[in-house]
Amino acid sequence: MASLNQAKFDLEQQQSTITNLEVETKDFDYSKRSQWLRAAVLGANDGLVSTASLMMGVGAVKQDIKAMILTGFAGLVAGACSMAIGEFVSVYSQLDIEVAQMKREKERGRQIDDDDDEEKESLPNPLQAAAASALAFSIGAMVPLLAAFFIRDYKVRLGVVVAAVSFALVVFGWFGAVLGKAPIFRSVLRVLVGGWVAMSITFGLTKLIGSSGL
């Protein structure tokens, strides 16, 4: 009887430990995930929409595939560098603020060694954020480039670019919503409509300026 009670007690302890580990893992995932997730999702969407919009803008006035591809490639390189630098500067500023706050709390005697180690581990990483942003931007920008690369017919090329970008926007919107535990339909719809609006405005305004002879 004593051994049976001991076995039940051990089982309950194991279940309690597993539950605590699951909770800690979930908390860890969301706290650690926020930095790179924000940079990656924003970078991918920016790369996809901005590069596609540039290509659609050029396609509004020039039917040459070479011009469209070169424009998209230039947009990929420039955008990735810009995103990386901007994210690095932004996160580094955040890092400076948090480090300064930690120093102030330590001077007031409110910080102990264990808490200090945990705070340092949770500090934002500027290089990680910059790399994630640049990589994500490049991945997003590759979608319209690859979609247009092998298609010579002008109208078919524009249609394929729009279709490929729309599909990628749905995937990115869904992926971001799942990882961030946000409503999937609203997230996908918001990303998709935003991309359509950006491409339409760029195409329409470029077409208007091109037709005016400026």
C-alpha atoms as a PDB file:
ATOM      1  CA  MET A   1       0.000   0.000   0.000  1.00  0.00           C
ATOM      2  CA  ALA A   2       2.821   2.377   0.869  1.00  0.00           C
ATOM      3  CA  SER A   3       4.578   1.599  -2.401  1.00  0.00           C
ATOM      4  CA  LEU A   4       1.323   2.275  -4.331  1.00  0.00           C
ATOM      5  CA  ASN A   5       0.916   5.673  -2.670  1.00  0.00           C
ATOM      6  CA  GLN A   6       4.540   6.471  -3.373  1.00  0.00           C
ATOM      7  CA  ALA A   7       4.047   5.566  -7.043  1.00  0.00           C
ATOM      8  CA  LYS A   8       0.990   7.848  -7.262  1.00  0.00           C
ATOM      9  CA  PHE A   9       2.914  10.651  -5.606  1.00  0.00           C
ATOM     10  CA  ASP A  10       5.837  10.229  -8.057  1.00  0.00           C
ATOM     11  CA  LEU A  11       3.426  10.256 -11.007  1.00  0.00           C
ATOM     12  CA  GLU A  12       1.768  13.435  -9.798  1.00  0.00           C
ATOM     13  CA  GLN A  13       5.174  15.054  -9.338  1.00  0.00           C
ATOM     14  CA  GLN A  14       6.188  14.102 -12.871  1.00  0.00           C
ATOM     15  CA  GLN A  15       2.948  15.504 -14.326  1.00  0.00           C
ATOM     16  CA  SER A  16       3.397  18.703 -12.365  1.00  0.00           C
ATOM     17  CA  THR A  17       6.980  19.028 -13.609  1.00  0.00           C
ATOM     18  CA  ILE A  18       5.916  18.462 -17.223  1.00  0.00           C
ATOM     19  CA  THR A  19       3.164  21.074 -16.903  1.00  0.00           C
ATOM     20  CA  ASN A  20       5.573  23.610 -15.449  1.00  0.00           C
ATOM     21  CA  LEU A  21       8.089  22.928 -18.207  1.00  0.00           C
ATOM     22  CA  GLU A  22       5.401  23.411 -20.860  1.00  0.00           C
ATOM     23  CA  VAL A  23       4.360  26.718 -19.345  1.00  0.00           C
ATOM     24  CA  GLU A  24       7.958  27.857 -19.087  1.00  0.00           C
ATOM     25  CA  THR A  25       8.624  26.779 -22.674  1.00  0.00           C
ATOM     26  CA  LYS A  26       5.602  28.711 -23.938  1.00  0.00           C
ATOM     27  CA  ASP A  27       6.618  31.784 -21.989  1.00  0.00           C
ATOM     28  CA  PHE A  28      10.160  31.477 -23.293  1.00  0.00           C
ATOM     29  CA  ASP A  29       9.006  31.068 -26.877  1.00  0.00           C
ATOM     30  CA  TYR A  30       6.875  34.189 -26.904  1.00  0.00           C
ATOM     31  CA  SER A  31       9.317  36.395 -25.003  1.00  0.00           C
ATOM     32  CA  LYS A  32      12.321  35.368 -27.081  1.00  0.00           C
ATOM     33  CA  ARG A  33      10.379  35.189 -30.319  1.00  0.00           C
ATOM     34  CA  SER A  34       9.138  38.775 -30.364  1.00  0.00           C
ATOM     35  CA  GLN A  35      12.399  40.404 -31.463  1.00  0.00           C
ATOM     36  CA  TRP A  36      13.245  38.339 -34.510  1.00  0.00           C
ATOM     37  CA  LEU A  37       9.620  37.622 -35.416  1.00  0.00           C
ATOM     38  CA  ARG A  38       8.796  41.299 -35.780  1.00  0.00           C
ATOM     39  CA  ALA A  39      11.893  41.940 -37.905  1.00  0.00           C
ATOM     40  CA  ALA A  40      11.402  38.830 -40.055  1.00  0.00           C
ATOM     41  CA  VAL A  41       7.683  39.303 -40.770  1.00  0.00           C
ATOM     42  CA  LEU A  42       8.015  43.010 -41.502  1.00  0.00           C
ATOM     43  CA  GLY A  43      11.113  42.419 -43.612  1.00  0.00           C
ATOM     44  CA  ALA A  44       9.490  39.720 -45.727  1.00  0.00           C
ATOM     45  CA  ASN A  45       6.355  41.769 -46.348  1.00  0.00           C
ATOM     46  CA  ASP A  46       8.357  44.883 -47.157  1.00  0.00           C
ATOM     47  CA  GLY A  47      10.585  42.987 -49.558  1.00  0.00           C
ATOM     48  CA  LEU A  48       7.645  41.386 -51.296  1.00  0.00           C
ATOM     49  CA  VAL A  49       5.475  44.489 -51.612  1.00  0.00           C
ATOM     50  CA  SER A  50       8.142  47.099 -52.352  1.00  0.00           C
ATOM     51  CA  THR A  51       9.975  45.010 -54.958  1.00  0.00           C
ATOM     52  CA  ALA A  52       6.747  43.947 -56.640  1.00  0.00           C
ATOM     53  CA  SER A  53       5.523  47.554 -56.656  1.00  0.00           C
ATOM     54  CA  LEU A  54       8.779  48.741 -58.245  1.00  0.00           C
ATOM     55  CA  MET A  55       8.525  46.069 -60.914  1.00  0.00           C
ATOM     56  CA  MET A  56       4.875  46.885 -61.579  1.00  0.00           C
ATOM     57  CA  GLY A  57       5.735  50.586 -61.811  1.00  0.00           C
ATOM     58  CA  VAL A  58       8.417  49.949 -64.420  1.00  0.00           C
ATOM     59  CA  GLY A  59       6.116  47.492 -66.168  1.00  0.00           C
ATOM     60  CA  ALA A  60       3.515  50.226 -66.483  1.00  0.00           C
ATOM     61  CA  VAL A  61       5.729  52.213 -68.881  1.00  0.00           C
ATOM     62  CA  LYS A  62       8.186  49.613 -70.246  1.00  0.00           C
ATOM     63  CA  GLN A  63       7.453  46.160 -71.572  1.00  0.00           C
ATOM     64  CA  ASP A  64      11.117  45.136 -71.611  1.00  0.00           C
ATOM     65  CA  ILE A  65      11.732  42.215 -69.265  1.00  0.00           C
ATOM     66  CA  LYS A  66      15.332  43.282 -68.685  1.00  0.00           C
ATOM     67  CA  ALA A  67      14.256  46.654 -67.289  1.00  0.00           C
ATOM     68  CA  MET A  68      11.775  45.016 -64.941  1.00  0.00           C
ATOM     69  CA  ILE A  69      14.251  42.420 -63.661  1.00  0.00           C
ATOM     70  CA  LEU A  70      17.024  44.977 -63.143  1.00  0.00           C
ATOM     71  CA  THR A  71      14.636  47.249 -61.279  1.00  0.00           C
ATOM     72  CA  GLY A  72      13.535  44.403 -59.052  1.00  0.00           C
ATOM     73  CA  PHE A  73      17.110  43.332 -58.339  1.00  0.00           C
ATOM     74  CA  ALA A  74      18.156  46.890 -57.497  1.00  0.00           C
ATOM     75  CA  GLY A  75      15.158  47.154 -55.198  1.00  0.00           C
ATOM     76  CA  LEU A  76      16.134  43.887 -53.489  1.00  0.00           C
ATOM     77  CA  VAL A  77      19.719  44.978 -52.783  1.00  0.00           C
ATOM     78  CA  ALA A  78      18.856  48.529 -51.756  1.00  0.00           C
ATOM     79  CA  GLY A  79      15.911  47.446 -49.622  1.00  0.00           C
ATOM     80  CA  ALA A  80      17.813  44.687 -47.826  1.00  0.00           C
ATOM     81  CA  CYS A  81      20.656  47.069 -46.961  1.00  0.00           C
ATOM     82  CA  SER A  82      18.220  49.759 -45.854  1.00  0.00           C
ATOM     83  CA  MET A  83      16.210  47.361 -43.707  1.00  0.00           C
ATOM     84  CA  ALA A  84      19.335  45.944 -42.074  1.00  0.00           C
ATOM     85  CA  ILE A  85      20.781  49.359 -41.256  1.00  0.00           C
ATOM     86  CA  GLY A  86      17.474  50.736 -40.030  1.00  0.00           C
ATOM     87  CA  GLU A  87      16.791  47.719 -37.833  1.00  0.00           C
ATOM     88  CA  PHE A  88      20.327  47.765 -36.452  1.00  0.00           C
ATOM     89  CA  VAL A  89      20.105  51.444 -35.502  1.00  0.00           C
ATOM     90  CA  SER A  90      16.629  51.048 -34.025  1.00  0.00           C
ATOM     91  CA  VAL A  91      17.430  47.971 -31.933  1.00  0.00           C
ATOM     92  CA  TYR A  92      20.770  49.411 -30.851  1.00  0.00           C
ATOM     93  CA  SER A  93      18.970  52.481 -29.525  1.00  0.00           C
ATOM     94  CA  GLN A  94      16.611  50.199 -27.624  1.00  0.00           C
ATOM     95  CA  LEU A  95      19.624  48.286 -26.276  1.00  0.00           C
ATOM     96  CA  ASP A  96      21.254  51.494 -25.032  1.00  0.00           C
ATOM     97  CA  ILE A  97      18.071  52.497 -23.220  1.00  0.00           C
ATOM     98  CA  GLU A  98      17.687  49.112 -21.510  1.00  0.00           C
ATOM     99  CA  VAL A  99      21.374  48.945 -20.518  1.00  0.00           C
ATOM    100  CA  ALA A 100      21.175  52.436 -19.041  1.00  0.00           C
ATOM    101  CA  GLN A 101      18.083  51.404 -17.074  1.00  0.00           C
ATOM    102  CA  MET A 102      19.858  48.320 -15.746  1.00  0.00           C
ATOM    103  CA  LYS A 103      22.782  50.455 -14.593  1.00  0.00           C
ATOM    104  CA  ARG A 104      20.465  52.832 -12.774  1.00  0.00           C
ATOM    105  CA  GLU A 105      18.700  49.975 -11.003  1.00  0.00           C
ATOM    106  CA  LYS A 106      22.030  48.386 -10.075  1.00  0.00           C
ATOM    107  CA  GLU A 107      23.280  51.649  -8.592  1.00  0.00           C
ATOM    108  CA  ARG A 108      20.155  51.803  -6.450  1.00  0.00           C
ATOM    109  CA  GLY A 109      20.891  48.339  -5.058  1.00  0.00           C
ATOM    110  CA  ARG A 110      17.770  46.774  -6.581  1.00  0.00           C
ATOM    111  CA  GLN A 111      19.621  44.284  -8.757  1.00  0.00           C
ATOM    112  CA  ILE A 112      21.045  40.900  -7.728  1.00  0.00           C
ATOM    113  CA  ASP A 113      23.411  38.672  -9.707  1.00  0.00           C
ATOM    114  CA  ASP A 114      20.794  36.154 -10.888  1.00  0.00           C
ATOM    115  CA  ASP A 115      18.423  38.861 -12.033  1.00  0.00           C
ATOM    116  CA  ASP A 116      21.318  40.649 -13.725  1.00  0.00           C
ATOM    117  CA  ASP A 117      22.183  37.547 -15.761  1.00  0.00           C
ATOM    118  CA  GLU A 118      18.559  37.081 -16.792  1.00  0.00           C
ATOM    119  CA  GLU A 119      18.261  40.725 -17.823  1.00  0.00           C
ATOM    120  CA  LYS A 120      21.383  40.473 -19.975  1.00  0.00           C
ATOM    121  CA  GLU A 121      20.044  37.387 -21.730  1.00  0.00           C
ATOM    122  CA  SER A 122      16.777  39.178 -22.535  1.00  0.00           C
ATOM    123  CA  LEU A 123      18.476  42.241 -24.027  1.00  0.00           C
ATOM    124  CA  PRO A 124      17.773  42.843 -27.723  1.00  0.00           C
ATOM    125  CA  ASN A 125      20.434  41.828 -30.228  1.00  0.00           C
ATOM    126  CA  PRO A 126      20.981  44.482 -32.941  1.00  0.00           C
ATOM    127  CA  LEU A 127      23.001  42.201 -35.239  1.00  0.00           C
ATOM    128  CA  GLN A 128      20.443  39.419 -35.001  1.00  0.00           C
ATOM    129  CA  ALA A 129      17.594  41.796 -35.776  1.00  0.00           C
ATOM    130  CA  ALA A 130      19.491  43.364 -38.708  1.00  0.00           C
ATOM    131  CA  ALA A 131      20.386  39.977 -40.209  1.00  0.00           C
ATOM    132  CA  ALA A 132      16.842  38.657 -39.820  1.00  0.00           C
ATOM    133  CA  SER A 133      15.392  41.784 -41.403  1.00  0.00           C
ATOM    134  CA  ALA A 134      17.780  41.754 -44.386  1.00  0.00           C
ATOM    135  CA  LEU A 135      17.340  38.023 -44.986  1.00  0.00           C
ATOM    136  CA  ALA A 136      13.571  38.199 -44.734  1.00  0.00           C
ATOM    137  CA  PHE A 137      13.444  41.203 -47.081  1.00  0.00           C
ATOM    138  CA  SER A 138      15.557  39.333 -49.634  1.00  0.00           C
ATOM    139  CA  ILE A 139      13.353  36.240 -49.440  1.00  0.00           C
ATOM    140  CA  GLY A 140      10.238  38.319 -49.958  1.00  0.00           C
ATOM    141  CA  ALA A 141      11.791  40.260 -52.838  1.00  0.00           C
ATOM    142  CA  MET A 142      12.789  37.057 -54.641  1.00  0.00           C
ATOM    143  CA  VAL A 143       9.146  36.098 -55.180  1.00  0.00           C
ATOM    144  CA  PRO A 144       8.256  38.685 -57.871  1.00  0.00           C
ATOM    145  CA  LEU A 145      11.738  38.400 -59.384  1.00  0.00           C
ATOM    146  CA  LEU A 146      11.480  34.647 -59.889  1.00  0.00           C
ATOM    147  CA  ALA A 147       7.888  34.967 -61.088  1.00  0.00           C
ATOM    148  CA  ALA A 148       8.854  37.396 -63.866  1.00  0.00           C
ATOM    149  CA  PHE A 149      12.256  36.009 -64.782  1.00  0.00           C
ATOM    150  CA  PHE A 150      11.294  33.435 -67.410  1.00  0.00           C
ATOM    151  CA  ILE A 151       8.173  35.049 -68.890  1.00  0.00           C
ATOM    152  CA  ARG A 152       8.671  37.060 -72.060  1.00  0.00           C
ATOM    153  CA  ASP A 153       5.078  38.011 -72.790  1.00  0.00           C
ATOM    154  CA  TYR A 154       4.351  41.391 -71.197  1.00  0.00           C
ATOM    155  CA  LYS A 155       0.735  40.901 -70.078  1.00  0.00           C
ATOM    156  CA  VAL A 156       1.305  37.338 -68.897  1.00  0.00           C
ATOM    157  CA  ARG A 157       4.335  38.504 -66.939  1.00  0.00           C
ATOM    158  CA  LEU A 158       2.362  41.179 -65.096  1.00  0.00           C
ATOM    159  CA  GLY A 159      -0.410  38.706 -64.315  1.00  0.00           C
ATOM    160  CA  VAL A 160       1.993  36.086 -63.013  1.00  0.00           C
ATOM    161  CA  VAL A 161       3.761  38.642 -60.809  1.00  0.00           C
ATOM    162  CA  VAL A 162       0.461  39.760 -59.280  1.00  0.00           C
ATOM    163  CA  ALA A 163      -0.658  36.159 -58.730  1.00  0.00           C
ATOM    164  CA  ALA A 164       2.647  35.079 -57.190  1.00  0.00           C
ATOM    165  CA  VAL A 165       2.781  38.122 -54.929  1.00  0.00           C
ATOM    166  CA  SER A 166      -0.837  37.605 -53.837  1.00  0.00           C
ATOM    167  CA  PHE A 167      -0.141  33.987 -52.928  1.00  0.00           C
ATOM    168  CA  ALA A 168       3.006  34.957 -51.022  1.00  0.00           C
ATOM    169  CA  LEU A 169       1.116  37.688 -49.144  1.00  0.00           C
ATOM    170  CA  VAL A 170      -1.457  35.135 -48.031  1.00  0.00           C
ATOM    171  CA  VAL A 171       1.308  32.773 -46.858  1.00  0.00           C
ATOM    172  CA  PHE A 172       3.197  35.509 -45.006  1.00  0.00           C
ATOM    173  CA  GLY A 173       0.008  36.814 -43.423  1.00  0.00           C
ATOM    174  CA  TRP A 174      -0.991  33.343 -42.288  1.00  0.00           C
ATOM    175  CA  PHE A 175       2.510  32.543 -41.014  1.00  0.00           C
ATOM    176  CA  GLY A 176       2.746  35.748 -39.014  1.00  0.00           C
ATOM    177  CA  ALA A 177      -0.716  35.241 -37.544  1.00  0.00           C
ATOM    178  CA  VAL A 178       0.031  31.670 -36.467  1.00  0.00           C
ATOM    179  CA  LEU A 179       3.343  32.530 -34.830  1.00  0.00           C
ATOM    180  CA  GLY A 180       1.948  35.636 -33.190  1.00  0.00           C
ATOM    181  CA  LYS A 181      -1.331  33.964 -32.125  1.00  0.00           C
ATOM    182  CA  ALA A 182      -3.344  36.627 -33.978  1.00  0.00           C
ATOM    183  CA  PRO A 183      -6.659  36.197 -35.875  1.00  0.00           C
ATOM    184  CA  ILE A 184      -5.667  34.492 -39.126  1.00  0.00           C
ATOM    185  CA  PHE A 185      -8.372  35.806 -41.472  1.00  0.00           C
ATOM    186  CA  ARG A 186      -7.973  39.444 -40.496  1.00  0.00           C
ATOM    187  CA  SER A 187      -4.195  39.211 -40.623  1.00  0.00           C
ATOM    188  CA  VAL A 188      -4.201  37.632 -44.089  1.00  0.00           C
ATOM    189  CA  LEU A 189      -6.793  40.074 -45.410  1.00  0.00           C
ATOM    190  CA  ARG A 190      -4.920  43.088 -44.051  1.00  0.00           C
ATOM    191  CA  VAL A 191      -1.617  41.994 -45.614  1.00  0.00           C
ATOM    192  CA  LEU A 192      -3.227  41.021 -48.931  1.00  0.00           C
ATOM    193  CA  VAL A 193      -5.229  44.216 -49.405  1.00  0.00           C
ATOM    194  CA  GLY A 194      -2.253  46.332 -48.385  1.00  0.00           C
ATOM    195  CA  GLY A 195      -0.090  44.687 -51.026  1.00  0.00           C
ATOM    196  CA  TRP A 196      -2.727  45.128 -53.722  1.00  0.00           C
ATOM    197  CA  VAL A 197      -3.146  48.797 -52.862  1.00  0.00           C
ATOM    198  CA  ALA A 198       0.606  49.443 -52.973  1.00  0.00           C
ATOM    199  CA  MET A 199       1.015  47.755 -56.367  1.00  0.00           C
ATOM    200  CA  SER A 200      -2.074  49.454 -57.817  1.00  0.00           C
ATOM    201  CA  ILE A 201      -1.035  52.942 -56.722  1.00  0.00           C
ATOM    202  CA  THR A 202       2.521  52.487 -58.014  1.00  0.00           C
ATOM    203  CA  PHE A 203       1.323  51.072 -61.333  1.00  0.00           C
ATOM    204  CA  GLY A 204      -1.356  53.757 -61.802  1.00  0.00           C
ATOM    205  CA  LEU A 205       0.769  56.765 -60.917  1.00  0.00           C
ATOM    206  CA  THR A 206       3.723  55.572 -62.996  1.00  0.00           C
ATOM    207  CA  LYS A 207       1.419  54.906 -65.943  1.00  0.00           C
ATOM    208  CA  LEU A 208      -0.064  58.372 -65.578  1.00  0.00           C
ATOM    209  CA  ILE A 209       3.319  60.100 -65.429  1.00  0.00           C
ATOM    210  CA  GLY A 210       4.662  58.000 -68.289  1.00  0.00           C
ATOM    211  CA  SER A 211       1.700  58.766 -70.540  1.00  0.00           C
ATOM    212  CA  SER A 212       2.000  62.504 -69.845  1.00  0.00           C
ATOM    213  CA  GLY A 213       5.385  62.605 -71.567  1.00  0.00           C
ATOM    214  CA  LEU A 214       7.398  63.807 -68.553  1.00  0.00           C
END
